[in-house]
């Protein structure tokens, strides 16, 4: 579903969709924090290199995931409809 499909959903369907995406958001945030923690540890220990770039790449890919964008659009729509 894209933005247009989300706006066509009823209020109840939006709340159900938000419930489904909530666990995704929590898991995604945990992994992004873990990967950024690896990068910060690497900076503190002064070990720059390819191994530091790998977690940055994966964190970038997780942030720009289509499901993450859908979750942001859903949250904006819930705020617009005063459901959250």
N, C-alpha and C. Protein backbone atom coordinates (compact mmCIF):
# COMPACT_ATOMS: atom_id res chain seq x y z
N UNK A 1 0.83 -1.18 0.00
CA UNK A 1 0.00 0.00 0.00
C UNK A 1 0.88 1.24 0.00
N UNK A 2 0.48 2.20 -0.77
CA UNK A 2 1.22 3.45 -0.77
C UNK A 2 0.41 4.51 -0.03
N UNK A 3 0.83 5.76 -0.12
CA UNK A 3 0.16 6.84 0.59
C UNK A 3 -1.30 6.95 0.20
N UNK A 4 -1.61 6.79 -1.10
CA UNK A 4 -2.97 6.91 -1.56
C UNK A 4 -3.84 5.80 -0.96
N UNK A 5 -3.30 4.60 -0.86
CA UNK A 5 -4.04 3.49 -0.29
C UNK A 5 -4.28 3.69 1.20
N UNK A 6 -3.30 4.24 1.90
CA UNK A 6 -3.46 4.48 3.32
C UNK A 6 -4.56 5.49 3.59
N UNK A 7 -4.68 6.50 2.76
CA UNK A 7 -5.70 7.52 2.99
C UNK A 7 -7.10 6.98 2.70
N UNK A 8 -7.20 5.88 1.96
CA UNK A 8 -8.50 5.29 1.66
C UNK A 8 -8.99 4.37 2.77
N UNK A 9 -8.12 4.03 3.72
CA UNK A 9 -8.52 3.13 4.80
C UNK A 9 -9.39 3.85 5.82
N UNK A 10 -10.23 3.06 6.49
CA UNK A 10 -11.06 3.62 7.57
C UNK A 10 -10.19 3.82 8.81
N UNK A 11 -10.76 4.48 9.80
CA UNK A 11 -10.01 4.74 11.03
C UNK A 11 -9.62 3.44 11.72
N UNK A 12 -10.52 2.48 11.78
CA UNK A 12 -10.23 1.21 12.44
C UNK A 12 -9.12 0.45 11.70
N UNK A 13 -9.17 0.45 10.38
CA UNK A 13 -8.14 -0.23 9.60
C UNK A 13 -6.78 0.44 9.77
N UNK A 14 -6.78 1.76 9.90
CA UNK A 14 -5.52 2.48 10.14
C UNK A 14 -4.92 2.10 11.48
N UNK A 15 -5.76 1.98 12.50
CA UNK A 15 -5.27 1.60 13.82
C UNK A 15 -4.72 0.17 13.82
N UNK A 16 -5.35 -0.72 13.09
CA UNK A 16 -4.85 -2.09 12.97
C UNK A 16 -3.51 -2.12 12.24
N UNK A 17 -3.40 -1.32 11.19
CA UNK A 17 -2.15 -1.25 10.43
C UNK A 17 -1.03 -0.66 11.29
N UNK A 18 -1.37 0.32 12.12
CA UNK A 18 -0.38 0.91 13.03
C UNK A 18 0.10 -0.12 14.04
N UNK A 19 -0.79 -0.97 14.51
CA UNK A 19 -0.41 -2.01 15.46
C UNK A 19 0.56 -3.00 14.83
N UNK A 20 0.32 -3.33 13.55
CA UNK A 20 1.21 -4.26 12.84
C UNK A 20 2.60 -3.65 12.66
N UNK A 21 2.64 -2.38 12.33
CA UNK A 21 3.93 -1.73 12.04
C UNK A 21 4.69 -1.32 13.30
N UNK A 22 4.03 -1.36 14.46
CA UNK A 22 4.69 -0.94 15.69
C UNK A 22 5.83 -1.89 16.04
N UNK A 23 5.62 -3.18 15.92
CA UNK A 23 6.69 -4.13 16.24
C UNK A 23 7.85 -3.99 15.26
N UNK A 24 7.54 -3.71 13.99
CA UNK A 24 8.58 -3.46 13.00
C UNK A 24 9.42 -2.26 13.40
N UNK A 25 8.76 -1.19 13.83
CA UNK A 25 9.48 0.03 14.19
C UNK A 25 10.39 -0.19 15.38
N UNK A 26 9.92 -0.93 16.36
CA UNK A 26 10.73 -1.19 17.56
C UNK A 26 11.95 -2.03 17.20
N UNK A 27 11.74 -3.07 16.42
CA UNK A 27 12.86 -3.93 16.01
C UNK A 27 13.86 -3.16 15.16
N UNK A 28 13.35 -2.36 14.24
CA UNK A 28 14.21 -1.56 13.37
C UNK A 28 15.04 -0.57 14.18
N UNK A 29 14.42 0.08 15.15
CA UNK A 29 15.14 1.04 15.99
C UNK A 29 16.22 0.34 16.81
N UNK A 30 15.92 -0.86 17.30
CA UNK A 30 16.92 -1.61 18.07
C UNK A 30 18.15 -1.92 17.22
N UNK A 31 17.92 -2.43 16.01
CA UNK A 31 19.05 -2.79 15.15
C UNK A 31 19.84 -1.58 14.69
N UNK A 32 19.16 -0.47 14.42
CA UNK A 32 19.87 0.75 14.03
C UNK A 32 20.73 1.24 15.19
N UNK A 33 20.19 1.22 16.40
CA UNK A 33 20.97 1.61 17.57
C UNK A 33 22.16 0.70 17.81
N UNK A 34 21.95 -0.59 17.61
CA UNK A 34 23.05 -1.55 17.77
C UNK A 34 24.16 -1.28 16.76
N UNK A 35 23.79 -1.05 15.51
CA UNK A 35 24.79 -0.78 14.47
C UNK A 35 25.52 0.53 14.73
N UNK A 36 24.80 1.55 15.15
CA UNK A 36 25.46 2.82 15.45
C UNK A 36 26.34 2.71 16.69
N UNK A 37 25.96 1.84 17.62
CA UNK A 37 26.80 1.57 18.78
C UNK A 37 28.12 0.96 18.36
N UNK A 38 28.08 0.06 17.40
CA UNK A 38 29.31 -0.53 16.87
C UNK A 38 30.19 0.55 16.26
N UNK A 39 29.59 1.47 15.52
CA UNK A 39 30.36 2.55 14.90
C UNK A 39 30.99 3.45 15.97
N UNK A 40 30.22 3.83 16.99
CA UNK A 40 30.78 4.68 18.04
C UNK A 40 31.90 3.98 18.80
N UNK A 41 31.73 2.69 19.07
CA UNK A 41 32.80 1.93 19.72
C UNK A 41 34.03 1.91 18.85
N UNK A 42 33.82 1.76 17.55
CA UNK A 42 34.94 1.75 16.62
C UNK A 42 35.66 3.10 16.61
N UNK A 43 34.92 4.18 16.67
CA UNK A 43 35.53 5.51 16.71
C UNK A 43 36.31 5.70 18.00
N UNK A 44 35.75 5.26 19.11
CA UNK A 44 36.43 5.41 20.40
C UNK A 44 37.73 4.62 20.43
N UNK A 45 37.71 3.43 19.87
CA UNK A 45 38.91 2.58 19.85
C UNK A 45 39.86 2.94 18.70
N UNK A 46 39.51 3.95 17.91
CA UNK A 46 40.32 4.43 16.79
C UNK A 46 40.62 3.34 15.77
N UNK A 47 39.61 2.58 15.44
CA UNK A 47 39.77 1.53 14.42
C UNK A 47 38.91 1.90 13.21
N UNK A 48 39.39 2.82 12.42
CA UNK A 48 38.69 3.23 11.22
C UNK A 48 38.99 2.24 10.11
N UNK A 49 38.05 2.08 9.21
CA UNK A 49 38.31 1.18 8.09
C UNK A 49 37.01 0.65 7.52
N UNK A 50 37.14 -0.38 6.72
CA UNK A 50 35.99 -0.97 6.04
C UNK A 50 35.01 -1.56 7.05
N UNK A 51 35.53 -2.14 8.12
CA UNK A 51 34.65 -2.75 9.10
C UNK A 51 33.77 -1.73 9.80
N UNK A 52 34.18 -0.47 9.81
CA UNK A 52 33.34 0.56 10.39
C UNK A 52 32.28 1.02 9.40
N UNK A 53 32.56 0.91 8.12
CA UNK A 53 31.60 1.35 7.11
C UNK A 53 30.46 0.36 6.91
N UNK A 54 30.70 -0.90 7.18
CA UNK A 54 29.66 -1.90 6.98
C UNK A 54 28.44 -1.63 7.87
N UNK A 55 28.59 -1.39 9.19
CA UNK A 55 27.40 -1.08 10.00
C UNK A 55 26.71 0.22 9.57
N UNK A 56 27.49 1.20 9.12
CA UNK A 56 26.88 2.44 8.64
C UNK A 56 26.02 2.19 7.41
N UNK A 57 26.50 1.35 6.52
CA UNK A 57 25.73 1.02 5.31
C UNK A 57 24.42 0.32 5.67
N UNK A 58 24.50 -0.66 6.57
CA UNK A 58 23.28 -1.38 6.95
C UNK A 58 22.30 -0.48 7.69
N UNK A 59 22.79 0.42 8.54
CA UNK A 59 21.91 1.36 9.23
C UNK A 59 21.23 2.28 8.22
N UNK A 60 21.97 2.74 7.22
CA UNK A 60 21.39 3.58 6.17
C UNK A 60 20.28 2.83 5.43
N UNK A 61 20.54 1.57 5.08
CA UNK A 61 19.54 0.77 4.36
C UNK A 61 18.29 0.55 5.22
N UNK A 62 18.46 0.38 6.52
CA UNK A 62 17.30 0.18 7.40
C UNK A 62 16.48 1.46 7.54
N UNK A 63 17.15 2.59 7.55
CA UNK A 63 16.44 3.86 7.68
C UNK A 63 15.64 4.16 6.42
N UNK A 64 16.19 3.84 5.26
CA UNK A 64 15.53 4.12 3.99
C UNK A 64 14.70 2.96 3.47
N UNK A 65 14.34 2.03 4.32
CA UNK A 65 13.52 0.89 3.95
C UNK A 65 12.11 1.36 3.57
N UNK A 66 11.51 0.81 2.52
CA UNK A 66 10.14 1.22 2.14
C UNK A 66 9.12 1.01 3.25
N UNK A 67 9.33 -0.02 4.06
CA UNK A 67 8.40 -0.27 5.15
C UNK A 67 8.52 0.82 6.21
N UNK A 68 9.72 1.35 6.41
CA UNK A 68 9.92 2.43 7.36
C UNK A 68 9.25 3.71 6.85
N UNK A 69 9.33 3.95 5.55
CA UNK A 69 8.67 5.12 4.98
C UNK A 69 7.16 4.99 5.10
N UNK A 70 6.67 3.78 4.93
CA UNK A 70 5.23 3.54 5.06
C UNK A 70 4.79 3.78 6.50
N UNK A 71 5.62 3.39 7.44
CA UNK A 71 5.31 3.60 8.85
C UNK A 71 5.26 5.10 9.16
N UNK A 72 6.18 5.87 8.60
CA UNK A 72 6.16 7.33 8.82
C UNK A 72 4.90 7.95 8.21
N UNK A 73 4.53 7.50 7.02
CA UNK A 73 3.33 8.03 6.38
C UNK A 73 2.08 7.67 7.17
N UNK A 74 2.07 6.48 7.72
CA UNK A 74 0.93 6.05 8.53
C UNK A 74 0.82 6.90 9.80
N UNK A 75 1.95 7.17 10.44
CA UNK A 75 1.94 8.00 11.65
C UNK A 75 1.46 9.41 11.34
N UNK A 76 1.86 9.97 10.21
CA UNK A 76 1.39 11.30 9.83
C UNK A 76 -0.12 11.31 9.58
N UNK A 77 -0.61 10.25 8.95
CA UNK A 77 -2.04 10.17 8.68
C UNK A 77 -2.83 9.99 9.96
N UNK A 78 -2.30 9.25 10.92
CA UNK A 78 -2.97 9.09 12.21
C UNK A 78 -3.04 10.41 12.96
N UNK A 79 -1.95 11.19 12.91
CA UNK A 79 -1.96 12.51 13.54
C UNK A 79 -2.94 13.45 12.86
N UNK A 80 -3.00 13.35 11.54
CA UNK A 80 -3.92 14.20 10.79
C UNK A 80 -5.38 13.91 11.15
N UNK A 81 -5.68 12.65 11.37
CA UNK A 81 -7.05 12.26 11.72
C UNK A 81 -7.29 12.26 13.24
N UNK A 82 -6.31 12.67 14.02
CA UNK A 82 -6.40 12.72 15.48
C UNK A 82 -6.77 11.37 16.09
N UNK A 83 -6.10 10.32 15.62
CA UNK A 83 -6.37 8.98 16.13
C UNK A 83 -5.33 8.51 17.12
N UNK A 84 -4.22 9.18 17.19
CA UNK A 84 -3.17 8.72 18.08
C UNK A 84 -2.96 9.65 19.21
